[in-house]
Every structure is written in structure tokens, then in C-alpha cells.
Amino acid sequence: MANVLLYHHIQGLTDGVRSFADSLRQVGHTVHTPDLFDGRTFGSIEEGFGFARELGPDAIQERGIAAADELGPGLVYAGFSFGVTIAQQLAQTRPGARGALLMYSCLPVTEFGEAWPEDVPVQIHGKEGDEFFDEDLPAARELADSSANAELFVYPGDQHLFADSSLDAYDPEAAALLMERVRAFLAAT
């Protein structure tokens, strides 16, 4: 079973993120969900970004890295949207990374190195009409094309945080398919 470090999205550690983690725990995985926002959640992406600007991106990044430091190597790094920035950095740069799950976002690989590590499998998930993911889609395609261990899954629709059951953007059908693919990925790591 996998040991997963899951970073929440810009609206915080919502009930939907907790539920997603619980679904993975129910099949035997260990899932850590650090709260980078000190218990705060937000009703919109814009409110979350406002809080993140106040807190400072460097401070949030440091909190995310500290959570990884406490757990040591051998982790699958996972992130939803905003949380992808930390998960992707750690998956690309930490020795012993077991995999990466990048949901709703993907940065260019060159942000953290010259190439994606060949021994680190990665899945990228997003919706084709999502204004935020559309910006990241070229980087996601480039990553998927550059590594035999990379998979890109693009779903129909335009909801951004579509696997978070506590938000209006929730898409049960796409979320179920994403979960099925994530479980298969974790079972193979």
C-alpha cells in the first residue's frame, strides 16, 4: 500500500478533500493531509487566493515542505490545483519519491529541473474546458510525452475542482473515474 502526502487546493482542506483522502484510506493506503491554511477554508477560489497572498506563497511552500520532511522518503506526492505546486516540486526533486498525482494543474517540468525523473510515475488529471487547467495543459502534455511513466487524463467539462464533493464544481461521474485511476496508480506503486 502507498504512503501518500496529499496537498489541498486553494479553498483549503475542505470536507471534499478529506473525503477523497478517506476513500484512499478505505482501500488500505496511508494518506497525510497537512492543513496549509491553519483550518481556514474558503467559499471561492478568489477568496482562497486572497488569503494565500496575505500568508505569502513562500510561507505556504515552507509548510508543505516541512510536512514532507516529517514523513521522510518513500512518498507519493499528490496535490489538487494549488497543492500541485508543492507536490510536483517534491516529486521531481526528492530522492525516494514513489510517484506523483497532479490534479487540476501541472507546471512545466523545467520549473524544478531539466527533466521528469524516469523512475517516478506520474498521473495528471484535469478538465478540457477548465480555464485554469487549460493554461497548464501544454505543460501537462509535454510531461506526458516526455516520460514513459507519465499519464495524462483529460475529462470533458469545465469545472476546476471537480473531485471535491463539498463544492459546487463537483462532478460525480468524472470524480469517480479519477478515483478509479488514482487507486489503480497507487496499487501499482
C-alpha atoms as a PDB file:
ATOM      1  CA  MET A   1       0.000   0.000   0.000  1.00  0.00           C
ATOM      2  CA  ALA A   2       1.128   3.529  -0.752  1.00  0.00           C
ATOM      3  CA  ASN A   3       2.108   6.284   1.638  1.00  0.00           C
ATOM      4  CA  VAL A   4       0.561   9.458   0.170  1.00  0.00           C
ATOM      5  CA  LEU A   5       1.149  13.097   1.050  1.00  0.00           C
ATOM      6  CA  LEU A   6      -1.884  14.986  -0.307  1.00  0.00           C
ATOM      7  CA  TYR A   7      -1.862  18.784  -0.542  1.00  0.00           C
ATOM      8  CA  HIS A   8      -5.196  20.611  -0.640  1.00  0.00           C
ATOM      9  CA  HIS A   9      -6.336  23.192  -3.171  1.00  0.00           C
ATOM     10  CA  ILE A  10      -6.683  26.969  -2.792  1.00  0.00           C
ATOM     11  CA  GLN A  11     -10.016  26.722  -0.959  1.00  0.00           C
ATOM     12  CA  GLY A  12      -8.303  24.856   1.867  1.00  0.00           C
ATOM     13  CA  LEU A  13      -8.576  21.447   3.470  1.00  0.00           C
ATOM     14  CA  THR A  14     -12.270  21.101   2.681  1.00  0.00           C
ATOM     15  CA  ASP A  15     -14.580  18.259   3.619  1.00  0.00           C
ATOM     16  CA  GLY A  16     -14.314  17.120  -0.005  1.00  0.00           C
ATOM     17  CA  VAL A  17     -10.515  16.852   0.173  1.00  0.00           C
ATOM     18  CA  ARG A  18     -10.839  14.951   3.458  1.00  0.00           C
ATOM     19  CA  SER A  19     -13.408  12.638   1.860  1.00  0.00           C
ATOM     20  CA  PHE A  20     -11.094  11.976  -1.091  1.00  0.00           C
ATOM     21  CA  ALA A  21      -8.298  11.053   1.334  1.00  0.00           C
ATOM     22  CA  ASP A  22     -10.678   8.844   3.329  1.00  0.00           C
ATOM     23  CA  SER A  23     -11.646   6.976   0.149  1.00  0.00           C
ATOM     24  CA  LEU A  24      -7.987   6.103  -0.373  1.00  0.00           C
ATOM     25  CA  ARG A  25      -7.572   5.115   3.266  1.00  0.00           C
ATOM     26  CA  GLN A  26     -10.534   2.750   2.975  1.00  0.00           C
ATOM     27  CA  VAL A  27      -8.598   0.648   0.466  1.00  0.00           C
ATOM     28  CA  GLY A  28      -5.510   0.496   2.685  1.00  0.00           C
ATOM     29  CA  HIS A  29      -3.369   3.488   1.736  1.00  0.00           C
ATOM     30  CA  THR A  30      -1.879   5.834   4.301  1.00  0.00           C
ATOM     31  CA  VAL A  31      -2.826   9.400   3.384  1.00  0.00           C
ATOM     32  CA  HIS A  32      -1.458  12.504   5.105  1.00  0.00           C
ATOM     33  CA  THR A  33      -3.379  15.749   4.567  1.00  0.00           C
ATOM     34  CA  PRO A  34      -1.459  18.697   6.010  1.00  0.00           C
ATOM     35  CA  ASP A  35      -3.534  21.816   6.528  1.00  0.00           C
ATOM     36  CA  LEU A  36      -1.503  24.624   4.985  1.00  0.00           C
ATOM     37  CA  PHE A  37      -4.158  27.236   5.860  1.00  0.00           C
ATOM     38  CA  ASP A  38      -4.462  26.666   9.635  1.00  0.00           C
ATOM     39  CA  GLY A  39      -8.022  25.345   9.488  1.00  0.00           C
ATOM     40  CA  ARG A  40      -9.353  28.036   7.187  1.00  0.00           C
ATOM     41  CA  THR A  41     -11.450  27.145   4.166  1.00  0.00           C
ATOM     42  CA  PHE A  42     -12.909  29.497   1.591  1.00  0.00           C
ATOM     43  CA  GLY A  43     -16.152  29.674  -0.361  1.00  0.00           C
ATOM     44  CA  SER A  44     -14.431  30.631  -3.612  1.00  0.00           C
ATOM     45  CA  ILE A  45     -11.150  30.315  -5.438  1.00  0.00           C
ATOM     46  CA  GLU A  46     -10.754  34.095  -5.321  1.00  0.00           C
ATOM     47  CA  GLU A  47     -11.121  34.201  -1.513  1.00  0.00           C
ATOM     48  CA  GLY A  48      -8.566  31.422  -1.188  1.00  0.00           C
ATOM     49  CA  PHE A  49      -6.094  33.264  -3.387  1.00  0.00           C
ATOM     50  CA  GLY A  50      -6.606  36.410  -1.307  1.00  0.00           C
ATOM     51  CA  PHE A  51      -5.711  34.503   1.842  1.00  0.00           C
ATOM     52  CA  ALA A  52      -2.721  32.840   0.167  1.00  0.00           C
ATOM     53  CA  ARG A  53      -1.390  36.246  -0.916  1.00  0.00           C
ATOM     54  CA  GLU A  54      -1.691  37.521   2.670  1.00  0.00           C
ATOM     55  CA  LEU A  55       0.043  34.464   4.092  1.00  0.00           C
ATOM     56  CA  GLY A  56       2.673  34.526   1.359  1.00  0.00           C
ATOM     57  CA  PRO A  57       3.498  31.829  -1.171  1.00  0.00           C
ATOM     58  CA  ASP A  58       6.911  31.185   0.389  1.00  0.00           C
ATOM     59  CA  ALA A  59       5.385  30.566   3.821  1.00  0.00           C
ATOM     60  CA  ILE A  60       2.865  28.125   2.337  1.00  0.00           C
ATOM     61  CA  GLN A  61       5.611  26.343   0.386  1.00  0.00           C
ATOM     62  CA  GLU A  62       7.681  26.045   3.570  1.00  0.00           C
ATOM     63  CA  ARG A  63       4.735  24.491   5.420  1.00  0.00           C
ATOM     64  CA  GLY A  64       4.260  21.956   2.644  1.00  0.00           C
ATOM     65  CA  ILE A  65       7.938  21.032   2.575  1.00  0.00           C
ATOM     66  CA  ALA A  66       8.024  20.760   6.378  1.00  0.00           C
ATOM     67  CA  ALA A  67       5.166  18.251   6.218  1.00  0.00           C
ATOM     68  CA  ALA A  68       7.207  16.155   3.780  1.00  0.00           C
ATOM     69  CA  ASP A  69      10.314  16.440   5.952  1.00  0.00           C
ATOM     70  CA  GLU A  70       8.424  14.979   8.916  1.00  0.00           C
ATOM     71  CA  LEU A  71       7.401  11.923   6.885  1.00  0.00           C
ATOM     72  CA  GLY A  72      10.687  11.092   5.189  1.00  0.00           C
ATOM     73  CA  PRO A  73      11.218   9.341   1.831  1.00  0.00           C
ATOM     74  CA  GLY A  74       9.070   6.813   0.025  1.00  0.00           C
ATOM     75  CA  LEU A  75       6.041   9.039  -0.518  1.00  0.00           C
ATOM     76  CA  VAL A  76       3.638   9.519  -3.364  1.00  0.00           C
ATOM     77  CA  TYR A  77       3.226  13.279  -3.620  1.00  0.00           C
ATOM     78  CA  ALA A  78      -0.281  14.381  -4.573  1.00  0.00           C
ATOM     79  CA  GLY A  79      -1.859  17.778  -4.972  1.00  0.00           C
ATOM     80  CA  PHE A  80      -5.084  19.422  -6.001  1.00  0.00           C
ATOM     81  CA  SER A  81      -4.567  22.571  -8.090  1.00  0.00           C
ATOM     82  CA  PHE A  82      -2.680  24.974  -5.801  1.00  0.00           C
ATOM     83  CA  GLY A  83      -1.272  21.964  -3.925  1.00  0.00           C
ATOM     84  CA  VAL A  84       0.284  20.671  -7.148  1.00  0.00           C
ATOM     85  CA  THR A  85       2.993  23.330  -6.893  1.00  0.00           C
ATOM     86  CA  ILE A  86       4.366  21.646  -3.772  1.00  0.00           C
ATOM     87  CA  ALA A  87       3.641  18.057  -4.807  1.00  0.00           C
ATOM     88  CA  GLN A  88       5.285  18.427  -8.201  1.00  0.00           C
ATOM     89  CA  GLN A  89       8.373  20.102  -6.774  1.00  0.00           C
ATOM     90  CA  LEU A  90       8.849  17.333  -4.220  1.00  0.00           C
ATOM     91  CA  ALA A  91       8.194  14.531  -6.719  1.00  0.00           C
ATOM     92  CA  GLN A  92      10.786  15.971  -9.074  1.00  0.00           C
ATOM     93  CA  THR A  93      13.455  16.820  -6.527  1.00  0.00           C
ATOM     94  CA  ARG A  94      13.179  14.445  -3.547  1.00  0.00           C
ATOM     95  CA  PRO A  95      15.138  11.216  -3.612  1.00  0.00           C
ATOM     96  CA  GLY A  96      12.891   8.257  -2.884  1.00  0.00           C
ATOM     97  CA  ALA A  97       9.714   9.735  -4.382  1.00  0.00           C
ATOM     98  CA  ARG A  98       7.386   6.857  -5.270  1.00  0.00           C
ATOM     99  CA  GLY A  99       5.064   8.791  -7.572  1.00  0.00           C
ATOM    100  CA  ALA A 100       3.065  11.944  -8.221  1.00  0.00           C
ATOM    101  CA  LEU A 101      -0.623  12.700  -8.643  1.00  0.00           C
ATOM    102  CA  LEU A 102      -1.186  16.131 -10.170  1.00  0.00           C
ATOM    103  CA  MET A 103      -4.864  17.032 -10.163  1.00  0.00           C
ATOM    104  CA  TYR A 104      -6.217  20.116 -11.951  1.00  0.00           C
ATOM    105  CA  SER A 105      -2.749  21.571 -12.543  1.00  0.00           C
ATOM    106  CA  CYS A 106       0.705  20.875 -13.936  1.00  0.00           C
ATOM    107  CA  LEU A 107       3.712  23.143 -14.055  1.00  0.00           C
ATOM    108  CA  PRO A 108       6.407  23.000 -16.719  1.00  0.00           C
ATOM    109  CA  VAL A 109       8.957  20.366 -15.689  1.00  0.00           C
ATOM    110  CA  THR A 110      11.692  22.979 -16.098  1.00  0.00           C
ATOM    111  CA  GLU A 111      10.376  24.809 -13.012  1.00  0.00           C
ATOM    112  CA  PHE A 112      12.107  22.171 -10.876  1.00  0.00           C
ATOM    113  CA  GLY A 113      14.736  20.546 -13.079  1.00  0.00           C
ATOM    114  CA  GLU A 114      15.758  19.593 -16.582  1.00  0.00           C
ATOM    115  CA  ALA A 115      13.522  16.539 -16.938  1.00  0.00           C
ATOM    116  CA  TRP A 116      10.948  14.470 -15.094  1.00  0.00           C
ATOM    117  CA  PRO A 117      12.668  11.692 -13.098  1.00  0.00           C
ATOM    118  CA  GLU A 118      12.251   8.487 -15.125  1.00  0.00           C
ATOM    119  CA  ASP A 119      11.757   6.333 -12.024  1.00  0.00           C
ATOM    120  CA  VAL A 120       8.845   8.444 -10.715  1.00  0.00           C
ATOM    121  CA  PRO A 121       5.457   7.559 -12.224  1.00  0.00           C
ATOM    122  CA  VAL A 122       3.010  10.434 -12.566  1.00  0.00           C
ATOM    123  CA  GLN A 123      -0.658  10.931 -13.373  1.00  0.00           C
ATOM    124  CA  ILE A 124      -2.102  14.286 -14.408  1.00  0.00           C
ATOM    125  CA  HIS A 125      -5.869  14.930 -14.308  1.00  0.00           C
ATOM    126  CA  GLY A 126      -7.882  17.922 -15.496  1.00  0.00           C
ATOM    127  CA  LYS A 127     -10.887  19.068 -17.481  1.00  0.00           C
ATOM    128  CA  GLU A 128     -10.541  20.215 -21.065  1.00  0.00           C
ATOM    129  CA  GLY A 129     -12.667  23.346 -20.628  1.00  0.00           C
ATOM    130  CA  ASP A 130     -11.345  24.381 -17.200  1.00  0.00           C
ATOM    131  CA  GLU A 131      -9.903  27.863 -17.584  1.00  0.00           C
ATOM    132  CA  PHE A 132      -7.188  27.162 -15.006  1.00  0.00           C
ATOM    133  CA  PHE A 133      -6.182  23.723 -16.300  1.00  0.00           C
ATOM    134  CA  ASP A 134      -6.259  24.957 -19.913  1.00  0.00           C
ATOM    135  CA  GLU A 135      -3.303  27.207 -19.017  1.00  0.00           C
ATOM    136  CA  ASP A 136      -1.404  24.163 -17.726  1.00  0.00           C
ATOM    137  CA  LEU A 137      -2.426  21.728 -20.457  1.00  0.00           C
ATOM    138  CA  PRO A 138       0.621  22.395 -22.681  1.00  0.00           C
ATOM    139  CA  ALA A 139       2.940  21.616 -19.744  1.00  0.00           C
ATOM    140  CA  ALA A 140       0.883  18.521 -18.896  1.00  0.00           C
ATOM    141  CA  ARG A 141       1.085  17.273 -22.482  1.00  0.00           C
ATOM    142  CA  GLU A 142       4.820  17.934 -22.606  1.00  0.00           C
ATOM    143  CA  LEU A 143       5.348  15.975 -19.386  1.00  0.00           C
ATOM    144  CA  ALA A 144       3.159  13.104 -20.590  1.00  0.00           C
ATOM    145  CA  ASP A 145       5.071  12.969 -23.879  1.00  0.00           C
ATOM    146  CA  SER A 146       8.472  13.090 -22.176  1.00  0.00           C
ATOM    147  CA  SER A 147       8.157  10.092 -19.875  1.00  0.00           C
ATOM    148  CA  ALA A 148       7.030   6.516 -20.319  1.00  0.00           C
ATOM    149  CA  ASN A 149       5.842   6.672 -16.688  1.00  0.00           C
ATOM    150  CA  ALA A 150       3.507   9.637 -17.241  1.00  0.00           C
ATOM    151  CA  GLU A 151      -0.225   9.540 -17.928  1.00  0.00           C
ATOM    152  CA  LEU A 152      -2.465  12.475 -18.789  1.00  0.00           C
ATOM    153  CA  PHE A 153      -6.228  12.190 -18.340  1.00  0.00           C
ATOM    154  CA  VAL A 154      -8.396  14.964 -19.733  1.00  0.00           C
ATOM    155  CA  TYR A 155     -12.087  14.870 -18.829  1.00  0.00           C
ATOM    156  CA  PRO A 156     -14.981  16.630 -20.574  1.00  0.00           C
ATOM    157  CA  GLY A 157     -16.377  19.709 -18.877  1.00  0.00           C
ATOM    158  CA  ASP A 158     -15.147  22.955 -17.402  1.00  0.00           C
ATOM    159  CA  GLN A 159     -15.266  22.507 -13.620  1.00  0.00           C
ATOM    160  CA  HIS A 160     -11.937  23.135 -11.920  1.00  0.00           C
ATOM    161  CA  LEU A 161     -12.157  21.368  -8.536  1.00  0.00           C
ATOM    162  CA  PHE A 162     -14.394  18.603  -9.879  1.00  0.00           C
ATOM    163  CA  ALA A 163     -13.391  15.804  -7.477  1.00  0.00           C
ATOM    164  CA  ASP A 164     -14.156  17.827  -4.323  1.00  0.00           C
ATOM    165  CA  SER A 165     -17.567  16.568  -3.199  1.00  0.00           C
ATOM    166  CA  SER A 166     -18.069  19.555  -0.893  1.00  0.00           C
ATOM    167  CA  LEU A 167     -18.002  22.157  -3.681  1.00  0.00           C
ATOM    168  CA  ASP A 168     -20.462  23.205  -6.391  1.00  0.00           C
ATOM    169  CA  ALA A 169     -17.867  22.224  -9.034  1.00  0.00           C
ATOM    170  CA  TYR A 170     -18.210  18.551  -8.043  1.00  0.00           C
ATOM    171  CA  ASP A 171     -18.790  16.211 -10.980  1.00  0.00           C
ATOM    172  CA  PRO A 172     -19.646  12.757  -9.570  1.00  0.00           C
ATOM    173  CA  GLU A 173     -19.023  10.884 -12.819  1.00  0.00           C
ATOM    174  CA  ALA A 174     -15.631  12.460 -13.542  1.00  0.00           C
ATOM    175  CA  ALA A 175     -14.660  12.243  -9.858  1.00  0.00           C
ATOM    176  CA  ALA A 176     -15.435   8.509  -9.796  1.00  0.00           C
ATOM    177  CA  LEU A 177     -13.301   7.918 -12.877  1.00  0.00           C
ATOM    178  CA  LEU A 178     -10.471   9.991 -11.423  1.00  0.00           C
ATOM    179  CA  MET A 179     -10.656   7.977  -8.181  1.00  0.00           C
ATOM    180  CA  GLU A 180     -10.618   4.690 -10.095  1.00  0.00           C
ATOM    181  CA  ARG A 181      -7.487   5.776 -11.966  1.00  0.00           C
ATOM    182  CA  VAL A 182      -5.796   7.074  -8.806  1.00  0.00           C
ATOM    183  CA  ARG A 183      -6.487   3.807  -6.979  1.00  0.00           C
ATOM    184  CA  ALA A 184      -5.015   1.806  -9.863  1.00  0.00           C
ATOM    185  CA  PHE A 185      -1.966   4.067  -9.889  1.00  0.00           C
ATOM    186  CA  LEU A 186      -1.421   3.689  -6.140  1.00  0.00           C
ATOM    187  CA  ALA A 187      -1.899  -0.068  -6.289  1.00  0.00           C
ATOM    188  CA  ALA A 188       0.931  -0.227  -8.821  1.00  0.00           C
ATOM    189  CA  THR A 189       3.412   1.914  -6.854  1.00  0.00           C
END
